[in-house]
Amino acid sequence: MTDSHSETHEQADIWEKLGDASFSFGRPVPIALLTVGLGLTFFFGLNHLLSFESLRENRDTYLGWLVQHYALSTAPFG
């Protein structure tokens, strides 16, 4: 009996913490930006330019750019 009572108490604590969480308008912004970007990619037909085939064909060019601009290519990853 004690185990089920403690589990119920723990579950109640979790629900209380979730209930205290307030909605922030900043949270959905990154998802919205990604969705809009993906939509624009298809709208303008850029999905035909960004394919695995084009990556395969231009692999050497991309690798050369990465070697020449190493700091710039790694800067976004901090």
C-alpha atoms as a PDB file:
ATOM      1  CA  MET A   1       0.000   0.000   0.000  1.00  0.00           C
ATOM      2  CA  THR A   2       2.800   2.381   0.809  1.00  0.00           C
ATOM      3  CA  ASP A   3       4.381   2.026  -2.664  1.00  0.00           C
ATOM      4  CA  SER A   4       1.192   2.875  -4.528  1.00  0.00           C
ATOM      5  CA  HIS A   5       0.582   5.814  -2.182  1.00  0.00           C
ATOM      6  CA  SER A   6       4.081   7.205  -2.821  1.00  0.00           C
ATOM      7  CA  GLU A   7       3.664   6.741  -6.589  1.00  0.00           C
ATOM      8  CA  THR A   8       0.385   8.625  -6.473  1.00  0.00           C
ATOM      9  CA  HIS A   9       2.036  11.395  -4.453  1.00  0.00           C
ATOM     10  CA  GLU A  10       4.920  11.601  -6.957  1.00  0.00           C
ATOM     11  CA  GLN A  11       2.497  11.757  -9.863  1.00  0.00           C
ATOM     12  CA  ALA A  12       0.583  14.543  -8.136  1.00  0.00           C
ATOM     13  CA  ASP A  13       3.828  16.474  -7.680  1.00  0.00           C
ATOM     14  CA  ILE A  14       4.616  16.102 -11.385  1.00  0.00           C
ATOM     15  CA  TRP A  15       1.164  17.352 -12.397  1.00  0.00           C
ATOM     16  CA  GLU A  16       1.497  20.312 -10.023  1.00  0.00           C
ATOM     17  CA  LYS A  17       4.824  21.265 -11.601  1.00  0.00           C
ATOM     18  CA  LEU A  18       3.363  20.958 -15.094  1.00  0.00           C
ATOM     19  CA  GLY A  19       0.383  23.040 -14.087  1.00  0.00           C
ATOM     20  CA  ASP A  20       2.677  25.809 -12.863  1.00  0.00           C
ATOM     21  CA  ALA A  21       4.432  26.066 -16.212  1.00  0.00           C
ATOM     22  CA  SER A  22       3.270  29.198 -17.972  1.00  0.00           C
ATOM     23  CA  PHE A  23       2.966  29.572 -21.714  1.00  0.00           C
ATOM     24  CA  SER A  24       5.678  31.626 -23.334  1.00  0.00           C
ATOM     25  CA  PHE A  25       5.147  33.170 -26.759  1.00  0.00           C
ATOM     26  CA  GLY A  26       8.858  32.774 -27.501  1.00  0.00           C
ATOM     27  CA  ARG A  27       8.766  28.990 -27.360  1.00  0.00           C
ATOM     28  CA  PRO A  28       6.998  28.307 -30.687  1.00  0.00           C
ATOM     29  CA  VAL A  29       9.029  30.906 -32.623  1.00  0.00           C
ATOM     30  CA  PRO A  30      11.863  28.544 -33.724  1.00  0.00           C
ATOM     31  CA  ILE A  31       9.378  25.925 -34.917  1.00  0.00           C
ATOM     32  CA  ALA A  32       7.420  28.594 -36.783  1.00  0.00           C
ATOM     33  CA  LEU A  33      10.596  29.886 -38.464  1.00  0.00           C
ATOM     34  CA  LEU A  34      11.608  26.392 -39.548  1.00  0.00           C
ATOM     35  CA  THR A  35       8.118  25.710 -40.889  1.00  0.00           C
ATOM     36  CA  VAL A  36       8.031  28.977 -42.839  1.00  0.00           C
ATOM     37  CA  GLY A  37      11.530  28.332 -44.213  1.00  0.00           C
ATOM     38  CA  LEU A  38      10.587  24.837 -45.335  1.00  0.00           C
ATOM     39  CA  GLY A  39       7.414  26.153 -46.940  1.00  0.00           C
ATOM     40  CA  LEU A  40       9.321  28.864 -48.805  1.00  0.00           C
ATOM     41  CA  THR A  41      11.843  26.297 -49.993  1.00  0.00           C
ATOM     42  CA  PHE A  42       9.091  24.290 -51.653  1.00  0.00           C
ATOM     43  CA  PHE A  43       7.214  27.399 -52.840  1.00  0.00           C
ATOM     44  CA  PHE A  44      10.224  28.740 -54.737  1.00  0.00           C
ATOM     45  CA  GLY A  45      11.242  25.305 -56.042  1.00  0.00           C
ATOM     46  CA  LEU A  46      14.543  25.232 -54.191  1.00  0.00           C
ATOM     47  CA  ASN A  47      13.915  21.650 -53.124  1.00  0.00           C
ATOM     48  CA  HIS A  48      15.116  20.588 -56.595  1.00  0.00           C
ATOM     49  CA  LEU A  49      18.445  22.357 -56.026  1.00  0.00           C
ATOM     50  CA  LEU A  50      18.942  20.997 -52.511  1.00  0.00           C
ATOM     51  CA  SER A  51      18.993  17.255 -53.032  1.00  0.00           C
ATOM     52  CA  PHE A  52      21.263  14.389 -52.137  1.00  0.00           C
ATOM     53  CA  GLU A  53      22.187  14.123 -55.814  1.00  0.00           C
ATOM     54  CA  SER A  54      23.392  17.736 -55.945  1.00  0.00           C
ATOM     55  CA  LEU A  55      25.327  17.197 -52.704  1.00  0.00           C
ATOM     56  CA  ARG A  56      26.967  14.125 -54.204  1.00  0.00           C
ATOM     57  CA  GLU A  57      27.882  16.005 -57.401  1.00  0.00           C
ATOM     58  CA  ASN A  58      29.324  19.010 -55.531  1.00  0.00           C
ATOM     59  CA  ARG A  59      30.949  17.208 -52.604  1.00  0.00           C
ATOM     60  CA  ASP A  60      34.497  18.204 -53.544  1.00  0.00           C
ATOM     61  CA  THR A  61      33.491  21.862 -53.914  1.00  0.00           C
ATOM     62  CA  TYR A  62      31.834  21.860 -50.486  1.00  0.00           C
ATOM     63  CA  LEU A  63      34.805  20.179 -48.830  1.00  0.00           C
ATOM     64  CA  GLY A  64      37.193  22.676 -50.438  1.00  0.00           C
ATOM     65  CA  TRP A  65      35.103  25.571 -49.141  1.00  0.00           C
ATOM     66  CA  LEU A  66      35.094  24.062 -45.649  1.00  0.00           C
ATOM     67  CA  VAL A  67      38.886  23.752 -45.663  1.00  0.00           C
ATOM     68  CA  GLN A  68      39.324  27.355 -46.849  1.00  0.00           C
ATOM     69  CA  HIS A  69      36.760  28.786 -44.394  1.00  0.00           C
ATOM     70  CA  TYR A  70      37.190  26.520 -41.382  1.00  0.00           C
ATOM     71  CA  ALA A  71      36.543  29.166 -38.713  1.00  0.00           C
ATOM     72  CA  LEU A  72      33.464  30.477 -40.485  1.00  0.00           C
ATOM     73  CA  SER A  73      32.028  26.997 -41.003  1.00  0.00           C
ATOM     74  CA  THR A  74      32.480  25.985 -37.342  1.00  0.00           C
ATOM     75  CA  ALA A  75      31.487  29.299 -35.713  1.00  0.00           C
ATOM     76  CA  PRO A  76      27.721  28.555 -35.530  1.00  0.00           C
ATOM     77  CA  PHE A  77      28.434  25.471 -33.426  1.00  0.00           C
ATOM     78  CA  GLY A  78      30.161  27.545 -30.779  1.00  0.00           C
END
